[in-house]
Full PDB file with SEQRES, HELIX, SHEET, SSBOND, CRYST1, ORIGX, SCALE, CONECT and MASTER records, all heavy atoms in Angstrom:
SEQRES   1 A   34  LYS ALA ALA ALA GLN GLU PHE ILE PHE ASN HIS ILE GLN          
SEQRES   2 A   34  ILE PHE PHE PHE CYS LEU LEU THR SER HIS PHE PRO PHE          
SEQRES   3 A   34  LYS SER GLU ARG SER TYR GLY VAL                              
HELIX    1 AA1 ALA A    2  ASN A   10  1                                   9    
HELIX    2 AA2 ILE A   12  PHE A   15  1                                   4    
HELIX    3 AA3 PHE A   17  LEU A   19  5                                   3    
CRYST1    1.000    1.000    1.000  90.00  90.00  90.00 P 1           1          
ORIGX1      1.000000  0.000000  0.000000        0.00000                         
ORIGX2      0.000000  1.000000  0.000000        0.00000                         
ORIGX3      0.000000  0.000000  1.000000        0.00000                         
SCALE1      1.000000  0.000000  0.000000        0.00000                         
SCALE2      0.000000  1.000000  0.000000        0.00000                         
SCALE3      0.000000  0.000000  1.000000        0.00000                         
ATOM      1  N   LYS A   1       0.772  -1.197  -0.057  1.00  0.00           N  
ATOM      2  CA  LYS A   1       0.003   0.027   0.062  1.00  0.00           C  
ATOM      3  C   LYS A   1       0.875   1.317  -0.064  1.00  0.00           C  
ATOM      4  O   LYS A   1       0.577   2.278  -0.667  1.00  0.00           O  
ATOM      5  CB  LYS A   1      -0.917  -0.009   1.214  1.00  0.00           C  
ATOM      6  CG  LYS A   1      -1.920   1.074   1.223  1.00  0.00           C  
ATOM      7  CD  LYS A   1      -2.829   0.833   2.351  1.00  0.00           C  
ATOM      8  CE  LYS A   1      -3.275   2.175   3.063  1.00  0.00           C  
ATOM      9  NZ  LYS A   1      -4.040   2.045   4.244  1.00  0.00           N  
ATOM     10  N   ALA A   2       1.974   1.274   0.792  1.00  0.00           N  
ATOM     11  CA  ALA A   2       2.861   2.516   0.813  1.00  0.00           C  
ATOM     12  C   ALA A   2       3.490   2.751  -0.563  1.00  0.00           C  
ATOM     13  O   ALA A   2       3.538   4.048  -0.895  1.00  0.00           O  
ATOM     14  CB  ALA A   2       3.903   2.167   1.892  1.00  0.00           C  
ATOM     15  N   ALA A   3       3.800   1.762  -1.344  1.00  0.00           N  
ATOM     16  CA  ALA A   3       4.260   1.973  -2.556  1.00  0.00           C  
ATOM     17  C   ALA A   3       3.330   2.513  -3.635  1.00  0.00           C  
ATOM     18  O   ALA A   3       3.628   3.461  -4.477  1.00  0.00           O  
ATOM     19  CB  ALA A   3       4.951   0.558  -3.145  1.00  0.00           C  
ATOM     20  N   ALA A   4       2.120   2.075  -3.471  1.00  0.00           N  
ATOM     21  CA  ALA A   4       1.000   2.557  -4.266  1.00  0.00           C  
ATOM     22  C   ALA A   4       0.773   4.111  -3.926  1.00  0.00           C  
ATOM     23  O   ALA A   4       0.612   4.845  -4.802  1.00  0.00           O  
ATOM     24  CB  ALA A   4      -0.264   1.802  -4.093  1.00  0.00           C  
ATOM     25  N   GLN A   5       0.782   4.346  -2.540  1.00  0.00           N  
ATOM     26  CA  GLN A   5       0.494   5.811  -2.226  1.00  0.00           C  
ATOM     27  C   GLN A   5       1.646   6.704  -2.787  1.00  0.00           C  
ATOM     28  O   GLN A   5       1.265   7.724  -3.245  1.00  0.00           O  
ATOM     29  CB  GLN A   5       0.537   5.780  -0.743  1.00  0.00           C  
ATOM     30  CG  GLN A   5       0.005   7.246  -0.232  1.00  0.00           C  
ATOM     31  CD  GLN A   5      -0.238   7.285   1.297  1.00  0.00           C  
ATOM     32  OE1 GLN A   5      -0.511   6.163   1.897  1.00  0.00           O  
ATOM     33  NE2 GLN A   5       0.037   8.322   1.941  1.00  0.00           N  
ATOM     34  N   GLU A   6       2.832   6.167  -2.623  1.00  0.00           N  
ATOM     35  CA  GLU A   6       3.901   6.992  -3.165  1.00  0.00           C  
ATOM     36  C   GLU A   6       3.829   7.288  -4.726  1.00  0.00           C  
ATOM     37  O   GLU A   6       4.138   8.343  -5.142  1.00  0.00           O  
ATOM     38  CB  GLU A   6       5.291   6.343  -2.757  1.00  0.00           C  
ATOM     39  CG  GLU A   6       6.509   7.174  -3.237  1.00  0.00           C  
ATOM     40  CD  GLU A   6       7.820   6.477  -2.902  1.00  0.00           C  
ATOM     41  OE1 GLU A   6       7.882   5.513  -2.009  1.00  0.00           O  
ATOM     42  OE2 GLU A   6       8.823   6.918  -3.327  1.00  0.00           O  
ATOM     43  N   PHE A   7       3.558   6.230  -5.436  1.00  0.00           N  
ATOM     44  CA  PHE A   7       3.369   6.273  -6.802  1.00  0.00           C  
ATOM     45  C   PHE A   7       2.262   7.216  -7.292  1.00  0.00           C  
ATOM     46  O   PHE A   7       2.527   8.118  -8.113  1.00  0.00           O  
ATOM     47  CB  PHE A   7       3.070   4.810  -7.368  1.00  0.00           C  
ATOM     48  CG  PHE A   7       2.945   4.862  -8.810  1.00  0.00           C  
ATOM     49  CD1 PHE A   7       4.075   4.779  -9.688  1.00  0.00           C  
ATOM     50  CD2 PHE A   7       1.608   4.876  -9.491  1.00  0.00           C  
ATOM     51  CE1 PHE A   7       3.954   4.754 -11.132  1.00  0.00           C  
ATOM     52  CE2 PHE A   7       1.576   4.955 -10.888  1.00  0.00           C  
ATOM     53  CZ  PHE A   7       2.637   4.804 -11.705  1.00  0.00           C  
ATOM     54  N   ILE A   8       1.106   7.124  -6.487  1.00  0.00           N  
ATOM     55  CA  ILE A   8       0.113   8.196  -6.765  1.00  0.00           C  
ATOM     56  C   ILE A   8       0.537   9.645  -6.579  1.00  0.00           C  
ATOM     57  O   ILE A   8       0.255  10.571  -7.248  1.00  0.00           O  
ATOM     58  CB  ILE A   8      -1.173   7.756  -5.947  1.00  0.00           C  
ATOM     59  CG1 ILE A   8      -1.764   6.447  -6.482  1.00  0.00           C  
ATOM     60  CG2 ILE A   8      -2.219   8.964  -6.068  1.00  0.00           C  
ATOM     61  CD1 ILE A   8      -2.858   5.906  -5.562  1.00  0.00           C  
ATOM     62  N   PHE A   9       1.222   9.737  -5.365  1.00  0.00           N  
ATOM     63  CA  PHE A   9       1.766  11.096  -5.104  1.00  0.00           C  
ATOM     64  C   PHE A   9       2.624  11.602  -6.129  1.00  0.00           C  
ATOM     65  O   PHE A   9       2.608  12.793  -6.525  1.00  0.00           O  
ATOM     66  CB  PHE A   9       2.242  11.213  -3.631  1.00  0.00           C  
ATOM     67  CG  PHE A   9       2.692  12.612  -3.310  1.00  0.00           C  
ATOM     68  CD1 PHE A   9       1.740  13.564  -2.830  1.00  0.00           C  
ATOM     69  CD2 PHE A   9       3.996  13.070  -3.250  1.00  0.00           C  
ATOM     70  CE1 PHE A   9       2.021  14.818  -2.632  1.00  0.00           C  
ATOM     71  CE2 PHE A   9       4.321  14.270  -2.934  1.00  0.00           C  
ATOM     72  CZ  PHE A   9       3.331  15.174  -2.620  1.00  0.00           C  
ATOM     73  N   ASN A  10       3.578  10.717  -6.624  1.00  0.00           N  
ATOM     74  CA  ASN A  10       4.472  11.063  -7.567  1.00  0.00           C  
ATOM     75  C   ASN A  10       3.771  11.459  -8.937  1.00  0.00           C  
ATOM     76  O   ASN A  10       4.380  12.149  -9.873  1.00  0.00           O  
ATOM     77  CB  ASN A  10       5.555  10.099  -7.829  1.00  0.00           C  
ATOM     78  CG  ASN A  10       6.535  10.033  -6.676  1.00  0.00           C  
ATOM     79  OD1 ASN A  10       6.717  10.939  -5.951  1.00  0.00           O  
ATOM     80  ND2 ASN A  10       7.083   8.904  -6.460  1.00  0.00           N  
ATOM     81  N   HIS A  11       2.547  10.957  -9.217  1.00  0.00           N  
ATOM     82  CA  HIS A  11       1.755  11.262 -10.328  1.00  0.00           C  
ATOM     83  C   HIS A  11       0.509  11.949 -10.122  1.00  0.00           C  
ATOM     84  O   HIS A  11      -0.442  11.943 -10.794  1.00  0.00           O  
ATOM     85  CB  HIS A  11       1.479   9.857 -11.127  1.00  0.00           C  
ATOM     86  CG  HIS A  11       2.648   9.117 -11.641  1.00  0.00           C  
ATOM     87  ND1 HIS A  11       3.350   8.370 -10.822  1.00  0.00           N  
ATOM     88  CD2 HIS A  11       3.384   9.332 -12.743  1.00  0.00           C  
ATOM     89  CE1 HIS A  11       4.492   7.890 -11.502  1.00  0.00           C  
ATOM     90  NE2 HIS A  11       4.430   8.430 -12.708  1.00  0.00           N  
ATOM     91  N   ILE A  12       0.497  12.722  -8.943  1.00  0.00           N  
ATOM     92  CA  ILE A  12      -0.765  13.383  -8.452  1.00  0.00           C  
ATOM     93  C   ILE A  12      -1.281  14.311  -9.570  1.00  0.00           C  
ATOM     94  O   ILE A  12      -2.514  14.476  -9.586  1.00  0.00           O  
ATOM     95  CB  ILE A  12      -0.474  13.865  -7.088  1.00  0.00           C  
ATOM     96  CG1 ILE A  12      -1.946  14.195  -6.399  1.00  0.00           C  
ATOM     97  CG2 ILE A  12       0.292  15.307  -7.158  1.00  0.00           C  
ATOM     98  CD1 ILE A  12      -2.581  12.867  -5.938  1.00  0.00           C  
ATOM     99  N   GLN A  13      -0.396  14.984 -10.351  1.00  0.00           N  
ATOM    100  CA  GLN A  13      -0.957  15.870 -11.265  1.00  0.00           C  
ATOM    101  C   GLN A  13      -1.898  15.330 -12.237  1.00  0.00           C  
ATOM    102  O   GLN A  13      -2.698  16.007 -12.986  1.00  0.00           O  
ATOM    103  CB  GLN A  13       0.314  16.570 -12.088  1.00  0.00           C  
ATOM    104  CG  GLN A  13       0.958  15.695 -13.085  1.00  0.00           C  
ATOM    105  CD  GLN A  13       2.002  14.829 -12.480  1.00  0.00           C  
ATOM    106  OE1 GLN A  13       2.212  14.789 -11.253  1.00  0.00           O  
ATOM    107  NE2 GLN A  13       2.620  14.117 -13.348  1.00  0.00           N  
ATOM    108  N   ILE A  14      -1.940  14.081 -12.482  1.00  0.00           N  
ATOM    109  CA  ILE A  14      -2.889  13.308 -13.334  1.00  0.00           C  
ATOM    110  C   ILE A  14      -4.319  13.415 -12.706  1.00  0.00           C  
ATOM    111  O   ILE A  14      -5.185  13.398 -13.391  1.00  0.00           O  
ATOM    112  CB  ILE A  14      -2.441  11.891 -13.496  1.00  0.00           C  
ATOM    113  CG1 ILE A  14      -1.005  11.735 -14.049  1.00  0.00           C  
ATOM    114  CG2 ILE A  14      -3.570  11.120 -14.293  1.00  0.00           C  
ATOM    115  CD1 ILE A  14      -0.806  12.315 -15.429  1.00  0.00           C  
ATOM    116  N   PHE A  15      -4.377  13.269 -11.536  1.00  0.00           N  
ATOM    117  CA  PHE A  15      -5.657  13.215 -10.721  1.00  0.00           C  
ATOM    118  C   PHE A  15      -6.176  14.598 -10.156  1.00  0.00           C  
ATOM    119  O   PHE A  15      -7.214  14.844 -10.157  1.00  0.00           O  
ATOM    120  CB  PHE A  15      -5.619  12.290  -9.566  1.00  0.00           C  
ATOM    121  CG  PHE A  15      -5.292  10.888  -9.989  1.00  0.00           C  
ATOM    122  CD1 PHE A  15      -3.828  10.487  -9.855  1.00  0.00           C  
ATOM    123  CD2 PHE A  15      -6.205   9.996 -10.552  1.00  0.00           C  
ATOM    124  CE1 PHE A  15      -3.489   9.172 -10.307  1.00  0.00           C  
ATOM    125  CE2 PHE A  15      -5.733   8.683 -10.906  1.00  0.00           C  
ATOM    126  CZ  PHE A  15      -4.476   8.284 -10.757  1.00  0.00           C  
ATOM    127  N   PHE A  16      -5.218  15.406  -9.719  1.00  0.00           N  
ATOM    128  CA  PHE A  16      -5.371  16.667  -8.972  1.00  0.00           C  
ATOM    129  C   PHE A  16      -5.155  17.822  -9.693  1.00  0.00           C  
ATOM    130  O   PHE A  16      -4.009  18.171 -10.091  1.00  0.00           O  
ATOM    131  CB  PHE A  16      -4.379  16.574  -7.887  1.00  0.00           C  
ATOM    132  CG  PHE A  16      -4.558  17.623  -6.780  1.00  0.00           C  
ATOM    133  CD1 PHE A  16      -5.724  18.373  -6.527  1.00  0.00           C  
ATOM    134  CD2 PHE A  16      -3.375  17.890  -5.944  1.00  0.00           C  
ATOM    135  CE1 PHE A  16      -5.836  19.351  -5.559  1.00  0.00           C  
ATOM    136  CE2 PHE A  16      -3.521  18.889  -4.967  1.00  0.00           C  
ATOM    137  CZ  PHE A  16      -4.632  19.661  -4.745  1.00  0.00           C  
ATOM    138  N   PHE A  17      -6.204  18.527 -10.208  1.00  0.00           N  
ATOM    139  CA  PHE A  17      -6.184  19.613 -11.008  1.00  0.00           C  
ATOM    140  C   PHE A  17      -5.185  20.726 -10.607  1.00  0.00           C  
ATOM    141  O   PHE A  17      -4.551  21.327 -11.443  1.00  0.00           O  
ATOM    142  CB  PHE A  17      -7.601  20.212 -11.370  1.00  0.00           C  
ATOM    143  CG  PHE A  17      -7.599  21.383 -12.257  1.00  0.00           C  
ATOM    144  CD1 PHE A  17      -7.387  21.197 -13.613  1.00  0.00           C  
ATOM    145  CD2 PHE A  17      -7.804  22.740 -11.691  1.00  0.00           C  
ATOM    146  CE1 PHE A  17      -7.301  22.330 -14.434  1.00  0.00           C  
ATOM    147  CE2 PHE A  17      -7.685  23.772 -12.599  1.00  0.00           C  
ATOM    148  CZ  PHE A  17      -7.495  23.590 -13.924  1.00  0.00           C  
ATOM    149  N   CYS A  18      -5.290  21.105  -9.329  1.00  0.00           N  
ATOM    150  CA  CYS A  18      -4.497  22.214  -8.852  1.00  0.00           C  
ATOM    151  C   CYS A  18      -2.992  22.096  -9.100  1.00  0.00           C  
ATOM    152  O   CYS A  18      -2.279  22.953  -9.120  1.00  0.00           O  
ATOM    153  CB  CYS A  18      -4.778  22.479  -7.389  1.00  0.00           C  
ATOM    154  SG  CYS A  18      -6.493  22.900  -7.113  1.00  0.00           S  
ATOM    155  N   LEU A  19      -2.502  20.842  -9.322  1.00  0.00           N  
ATOM    156  CA  LEU A  19      -1.128  20.688  -9.462  1.00  0.00           C  
ATOM    157  C   LEU A  19      -0.785  20.353 -10.904  1.00  0.00           C  
ATOM    158  O   LEU A  19       0.368  20.086 -11.319  1.00  0.00           O  
ATOM    159  CB  LEU A  19      -0.662  19.411  -8.645  1.00  0.00           C  
ATOM    160  CG  LEU A  19      -0.720  19.680  -7.123  1.00  0.00           C  
ATOM    161  CD1 LEU A  19      -0.168  18.478  -6.360  1.00  0.00           C  
ATOM    162  CD2 LEU A  19       0.096  20.941  -6.693  1.00  0.00           C  
ATOM    163  N   LEU A  20      -1.699  20.598 -11.820  1.00  0.00           N  
ATOM    164  CA  LEU A  20      -1.339  20.353 -13.246  1.00  0.00           C  
ATOM    165  C   LEU A  20      -0.370  21.438 -13.691  1.00  0.00           C  
ATOM    166  O   LEU A  20      -0.472  22.568 -13.407  1.00  0.00           O  
ATOM    167  CB  LEU A  20      -2.602  20.563 -14.083  1.00  0.00           C  
ATOM    168  CG  LEU A  20      -3.663  19.360 -14.116  1.00  0.00           C  
ATOM    169  CD1 LEU A  20      -4.839  19.639 -14.932  1.00  0.00           C  
ATOM    170  CD2 LEU A  20      -3.097  18.150 -14.482  1.00  0.00           C  
ATOM    171  N   THR A  21       0.624  20.921 -14.285  1.00  0.00           N  
ATOM    172  CA  THR A  21       1.719  21.772 -14.753  1.00  0.00           C  
ATOM    173  C   THR A  21       2.087  21.563 -16.214  1.00  0.00           C  
ATOM    174  O   THR A  21       1.331  20.791 -16.792  1.00  0.00           O  
ATOM    175  CB  THR A  21       3.035  21.469 -14.034  1.00  0.00           C  
ATOM    176  OG1 THR A  21       3.431  20.153 -14.344  1.00  0.00           O  
ATOM    177  CG2 THR A  21       2.835  21.704 -12.507  1.00  0.00           C  
ATOM    178  N   SER A  22       2.847  22.287 -16.807  1.00  0.00           N  
ATOM    179  CA  SER A  22       3.210  22.222 -18.159  1.00  0.00           C  
ATOM    180  C   SER A  22       3.743  20.854 -18.631  1.00  0.00           C  
ATOM    181  O   SER A  22       3.794  20.557 -19.862  1.00  0.00           O  
ATOM    182  CB  SER A  22       4.200  23.289 -18.607  1.00  0.00           C  
ATOM    183  OG  SER A  22       5.386  23.184 -17.854  1.00  0.00           O  
ATOM    184  N   HIS A  23       4.286  20.098 -17.729  1.00  0.00           N  
ATOM    185  CA  HIS A  23       4.944  18.809 -18.065  1.00  0.00           C  
ATOM    186  C   HIS A  23       3.684  17.650 -18.179  1.00  0.00           C  
ATOM    187  O   HIS A  23       4.063  16.590 -18.324  1.00  0.00           O  
ATOM    188  CB  HIS A  23       5.928  18.368 -17.142  1.00  0.00           C  
ATOM    189  CG  HIS A  23       5.601  18.006 -15.655  1.00  0.00           C  
ATOM    190  ND1 HIS A  23       5.346  18.991 -14.733  1.00  0.00           N  
ATOM    191  CD2 HIS A  23       5.172  16.886 -15.240  1.00  0.00           C  
ATOM    192  CE1 HIS A  23       5.073  18.319 -13.613  1.00  0.00           C  
ATOM    193  NE2 HIS A  23       4.901  17.117 -13.903  1.00  0.00           N  
ATOM    194  N   PHE A  24       2.456  18.155 -17.879  1.00  0.00           N  
ATOM    195  CA  PHE A  24       1.385  17.139 -18.085  1.00  0.00           C  
ATOM    196  C   PHE A  24       1.407  16.572 -19.479  1.00  0.00           C  
ATOM    197  O   PHE A  24       1.520  17.435 -20.361  1.00  0.00           O  
ATOM    198  CB  PHE A  24      -0.008  17.854 -17.778  1.00  0.00           C  
ATOM    199  CG  PHE A  24      -1.080  16.941 -17.751  1.00  0.00           C  
ATOM    200  CD1 PHE A  24      -1.229  15.962 -16.768  1.00  0.00           C  
ATOM    201  CD2 PHE A  24      -2.253  17.036 -18.672  1.00  0.00           C  
ATOM    202  CE1 PHE A  24      -2.359  15.180 -16.717  1.00  0.00           C  
ATOM    203  CE2 PHE A  24      -3.194  16.261 -18.593  1.00  0.00           C  
ATOM    204  CZ  PHE A  24      -3.257  15.234 -17.615  1.00  0.00           C  
ATOM    205  N   PRO A  25       1.415  15.306 -19.651  1.00  0.00           N  
ATOM    206  CA  PRO A  25       1.644  14.761 -21.060  1.00  0.00           C  
ATOM    207  C   PRO A  25       0.645  15.065 -22.084  1.00  0.00           C  
ATOM    208  O   PRO A  25       0.925  14.817 -23.283  1.00  0.00           O  
ATOM    209  CB  PRO A  25       1.671  13.238 -20.683  1.00  0.00           C  
ATOM    210  CG  PRO A  25       0.933  13.077 -19.489  1.00  0.00           C  
ATOM    211  CD  PRO A  25       1.087  14.271 -18.670  1.00  0.00           C  
ATOM    212  N   PHE A  26      -0.564  15.447 -21.716  1.00  0.00           N  
ATOM    213  CA  PHE A  26      -1.599  15.626 -22.740  1.00  0.00           C  
ATOM    214  C   PHE A  26      -2.152  17.016 -22.717  1.00  0.00           C  
ATOM    215  O   PHE A  26      -2.751  17.477 -21.813  1.00  0.00           O  
ATOM    216  CB  PHE A  26      -2.778  14.654 -22.623  1.00  0.00           C  
ATOM    217  CG  PHE A  26      -2.281  13.297 -22.393  1.00  0.00           C  
ATOM    218  CD1 PHE A  26      -2.222  12.666 -21.268  1.00  0.00           C  
ATOM    219  CD2 PHE A  26      -1.746  12.534 -23.591  1.00  0.00           C  
ATOM    220  CE1 PHE A  26      -1.775  11.348 -21.088  1.00  0.00           C  
ATOM    221  CE2 PHE A  26      -1.197  11.238 -23.397  1.00  0.00           C  
ATOM    222  CZ  PHE A  26      -1.366  10.636 -22.203  1.00  0.00           C  
ATOM    223  N   LYS A  27      -1.873  17.797 -23.737  1.00  0.00           N  
ATOM    224  CA  LYS A  27      -2.349  19.256 -23.712  1.00  0.00           C  
ATOM    225  C   LYS A  27      -3.716  19.311 -24.359  1.00  0.00           C  
ATOM    226  O   LYS A  27      -3.930  19.335 -25.474  1.00  0.00           O  
ATOM    227  CB  LYS A  27      -1.393  20.063 -24.628  1.00  0.00           C  
ATOM    228  CG  LYS A  27       0.082  20.002 -24.011  1.00  0.00           C  
ATOM    229  CD  LYS A  27       0.910  21.069 -24.676  1.00  0.00           C  
ATOM    230  CE  LYS A  27       2.259  20.969 -24.214  1.00  0.00           C  
ATOM    231  NZ  LYS A  27       2.517  21.445 -22.886  1.00  0.00           N  
ATOM    232  N   SER A  28      -4.664  19.210 -23.441  1.00  0.00           N  
ATOM    233  CA  SER A  28      -6.022  19.263 -23.826  1.00  0.00           C  
ATOM    234  C   SER A  28      -6.902  19.875 -22.581  1.00  0.00           C  
ATOM    235  O   SER A  28      -6.253  19.947 -21.463  1.00  0.00           O  
ATOM    236  CB  SER A  28      -6.657  17.787 -24.232  1.00  0.00           C  
ATOM    237  OG  SER A  28      -6.778  17.079 -22.990  1.00  0.00           O  
ATOM    238  N   GLU A  29      -8.069  20.037 -22.740  1.00  0.00           N  
ATOM    239  CA  GLU A  29      -8.891  20.566 -21.530  1.00  0.00           C  
ATOM    240  C   GLU A  29      -9.429  19.433 -20.731  1.00  0.00           C  
ATOM    241  O   GLU A  29     -10.029  19.546 -19.776  1.00  0.00           O  
ATOM    242  CB  GLU A  29     -10.157  21.228 -22.111  1.00  0.00           C  
ATOM    243  CG  GLU A  29      -9.800  22.568 -22.895  1.00  0.00           C  
ATOM    244  CD  GLU A  29     -10.966  23.188 -23.456  1.00  0.00           C  
ATOM    245  OE1 GLU A  29     -12.099  22.817 -23.102  1.00  0.00           O  
ATOM    246  OE2 GLU A  29     -10.900  24.204 -24.199  1.00  0.00           O  
ATOM    247  N   ARG A  30      -9.073  18.130 -21.159  1.00  0.00           N  
ATOM    248  CA  ARG A  30      -9.529  16.914 -20.296  1.00  0.00           C  
ATOM    249  C   ARG A  30      -8.509  16.569 -19.319  1.00  0.00           C  
ATOM    250  O   ARG A  30      -7.252  16.511 -19.726  1.00  0.00           O  
ATOM    251  CB  ARG A  30      -9.825  15.817 -21.387  1.00  0.00           C  
ATOM    252  CG  ARG A  30     -10.969  16.297 -22.221  1.00  0.00           C  
ATOM    253  CD  ARG A  30     -11.302  15.251 -23.305  1.00  0.00           C  
ATOM    254  NE  ARG A  30     -12.258  15.732 -24.218  1.00  0.00           N  
ATOM    255  CZ  ARG A  30     -13.141  14.998 -24.742  1.00  0.00           C  
ATOM    256  NH1 ARG A  30     -13.237  13.718 -24.535  1.00  0.00           N  
ATOM    257  NH2 ARG A  30     -14.120  15.544 -25.500  1.00  0.00           N  
ATOM    258  N   SER A  31      -8.998  16.131 -18.188  1.00  0.00           N  
ATOM    259  CA  SER A  31      -8.060  15.583 -17.209  1.00  0.00           C  
ATOM    260  C   SER A  31      -8.138  14.055 -17.007  1.00  0.00           C  
ATOM    261  O   SER A  31      -7.101  13.449 -16.888  1.00  0.00           O  
ATOM    262  CB  SER A  31      -8.499  16.167 -15.859  1.00  0.00           C  
ATOM    263  OG  SER A  31      -7.862  15.524 -14.765  1.00  0.00           O  
ATOM    264  N   TYR A  32      -9.333  13.473 -17.154  1.00  0.00           N  
ATOM    265  CA  TYR A  32      -9.573  12.082 -16.983  1.00  0.00           C  
ATOM    266  C   TYR A  32      -9.220  11.550 -15.661  1.00  0.00           C  
ATOM    267  O   TYR A  32      -9.185  10.324 -15.412  1.00  0.00           O  
ATOM    268  CB  TYR A  32      -8.772  11.269 -18.106  1.00  0.00           C  
ATOM    269  CG  TYR A  32      -9.110  11.602 -19.577  1.00  0.00           C  
ATOM    270  CD1 TYR A  32      -8.171  12.331 -20.313  1.00  0.00           C  
ATOM    271  CD2 TYR A  32     -10.301  11.118 -20.035  1.00  0.00           C  
ATOM    272  CE1 TYR A  32      -8.486  12.536 -21.653  1.00  0.00           C  
ATOM    273  CE2 TYR A  32     -10.607  11.374 -21.328  1.00  0.00           C  
ATOM    274  CZ  TYR A  32      -9.638  12.094 -22.178  1.00  0.00           C  
ATOM    275  OH  TYR A  32      -9.971  12.386 -23.492  1.00  0.00           O  
ATOM    276  N   GLY A  33      -8.950  12.332 -14.618  1.00  0.00           N  
ATOM    277  CA  GLY A  33      -8.575  11.891 -13.377  1.00  0.00           C  
ATOM    278  C   GLY A  33      -9.576  11.001 -12.759  1.00  0.00           C  
ATOM    279  O   GLY A  33      -9.193   9.937 -12.162  1.00  0.00           O  
ATOM    280  N   VAL A  34     -10.893  11.339 -12.715  1.00  0.00           N  
ATOM    281  CA  VAL A  34     -11.842  10.461 -12.092  1.00  0.00           C  
ATOM    282  C   VAL A  34     -12.006   9.267 -12.862  1.00  0.00           C  
ATOM    283  O   VAL A  34     -12.184   8.100 -12.216  1.00  0.00           O  
ATOM    284  CB  VAL A  34     -13.151  11.258 -11.964  1.00  0.00           C  
ATOM    285  CG1 VAL A  34     -14.257  10.452 -11.414  1.00  0.00           C  
ATOM    286  CG2 VAL A  34     -12.958  12.496 -10.985  1.00  0.00           C  
TER     287      VAL A  34                                                      
MASTER        0    0    0    3    0    0    0    6  286    1    0    3          
END                                                                             
């Protein structure tokens, strides 16, 4: 579980809009986080 939590935190910009940055891999208005 701890490894899964760390992986999610390291990729949180995929799920968490407020942390979306320019390195987000898909430049579109869609997040798909949910």
